[in-house]
Amino acid sequence: MARGILWIALMVCALLLAGCSVAIIHPPSAATFMEKSDGDYVVGASASAFFGDLVDDEAGVDYVADGIKEVERSVDWHDEWYYRNEEWSLGGNFSLQRNKGYFKYGLSFDFLTPYVQAGFVSDYFGVMGWSNLWLWQLEKVEHKYFQWGGGVSLIEQLPIGDNFRIGLTQHLSRNGREANTARQGAMVIGVGRSAPVFYDEIGCGGYASFKPNESLRIGVEFRYGRDLTYERREYSYYSGKYEKISKMDRFSVTISIISTSKSIESSIKKQEKTQRETKAAEERQKERDLESLEEYEKRQNGAEE
């Protein structure tokens, strides 16, 4: 089963690389990375909510960065189209990881962006590195030769008992958000033209995880990040122009469901066994009911005779 999951993930990755997607990428789940399972695959699925200074194409606000190249349009670009800066407030992540001793590696997806993970993991300390696979230019050009996203995170963990853990994280990363296209005067964002906008970030966070049963672990994480690339500039259109430049701070809350391929397989087998036993018990009950009915009819017939 584990090999099948791995091959499916690799095939999806190949299809994405052959097609078109975007390079959205954020720091991955620390709680998932710190889950150890020698010789087995760790499977994680996360949902994140982002808030704070998100890019939202607000009127009277610009997002500026020194030394960043402006948008370059392709030759088939139409004048009525433009880039719409609107950062997503929700995100999803899927990961498949494995560790050998204290070394861990894996393949993950941040929404549709494939990336790889590797690092060191122990009961109390971890070093997590990640990198996307987008090393070529897409439509929105900010760095001329390649568009890389990734980073490194330090993780300090304290296990409390067998099932509960708390941890602290510090990260330095280059994140990617999406720029969508829209037609002038239209309310609906365009389809087929999107590209990444990258920004450097430094931040920290914390997490707690627990096991509600023997096969699952639930992680809840909070993360803060300071944008080191872009600043938020507010201005007025009136003659007495007032301008305010402020740093951009983002926050996120992530909920992760973590398990292992063996635990999932064992849980499926237990569920199938329970269903078989339940079905067998129902069949036996039907047989007993039928026998009781037959005996009752015989007694009734005997009494009538």
Foldseek 3Di string as FASTA:
>chain_A
DQVVVVVVVVVLVVVPVVDDDEAFDDDDDPVQVQDADAPFKKKKKKKKFKDFQAWQQDPQKDKDFPLWDFFDADPPDDPQKDWGRHFDGMWMKIWIKHDHQQKIKTWMQTRSWIKIWIWGYDQFKIKIWMKTPWFQDDRGGGDPGGDIWIWMKIKGKDDDPDWKIKIKMWIKIKGWTKIFMDGVPDPDTDPDDMYIDIFIKTWMWMKMKGDPDDFKIKMKIKIKIWTPGIWMWGWDPDPPIDIDIGTTMMMMIMIMIMGIPVSVVVVVVVVVVVVVVVVVVVVVVVVVVVVVVVVVVVVVVVVVD
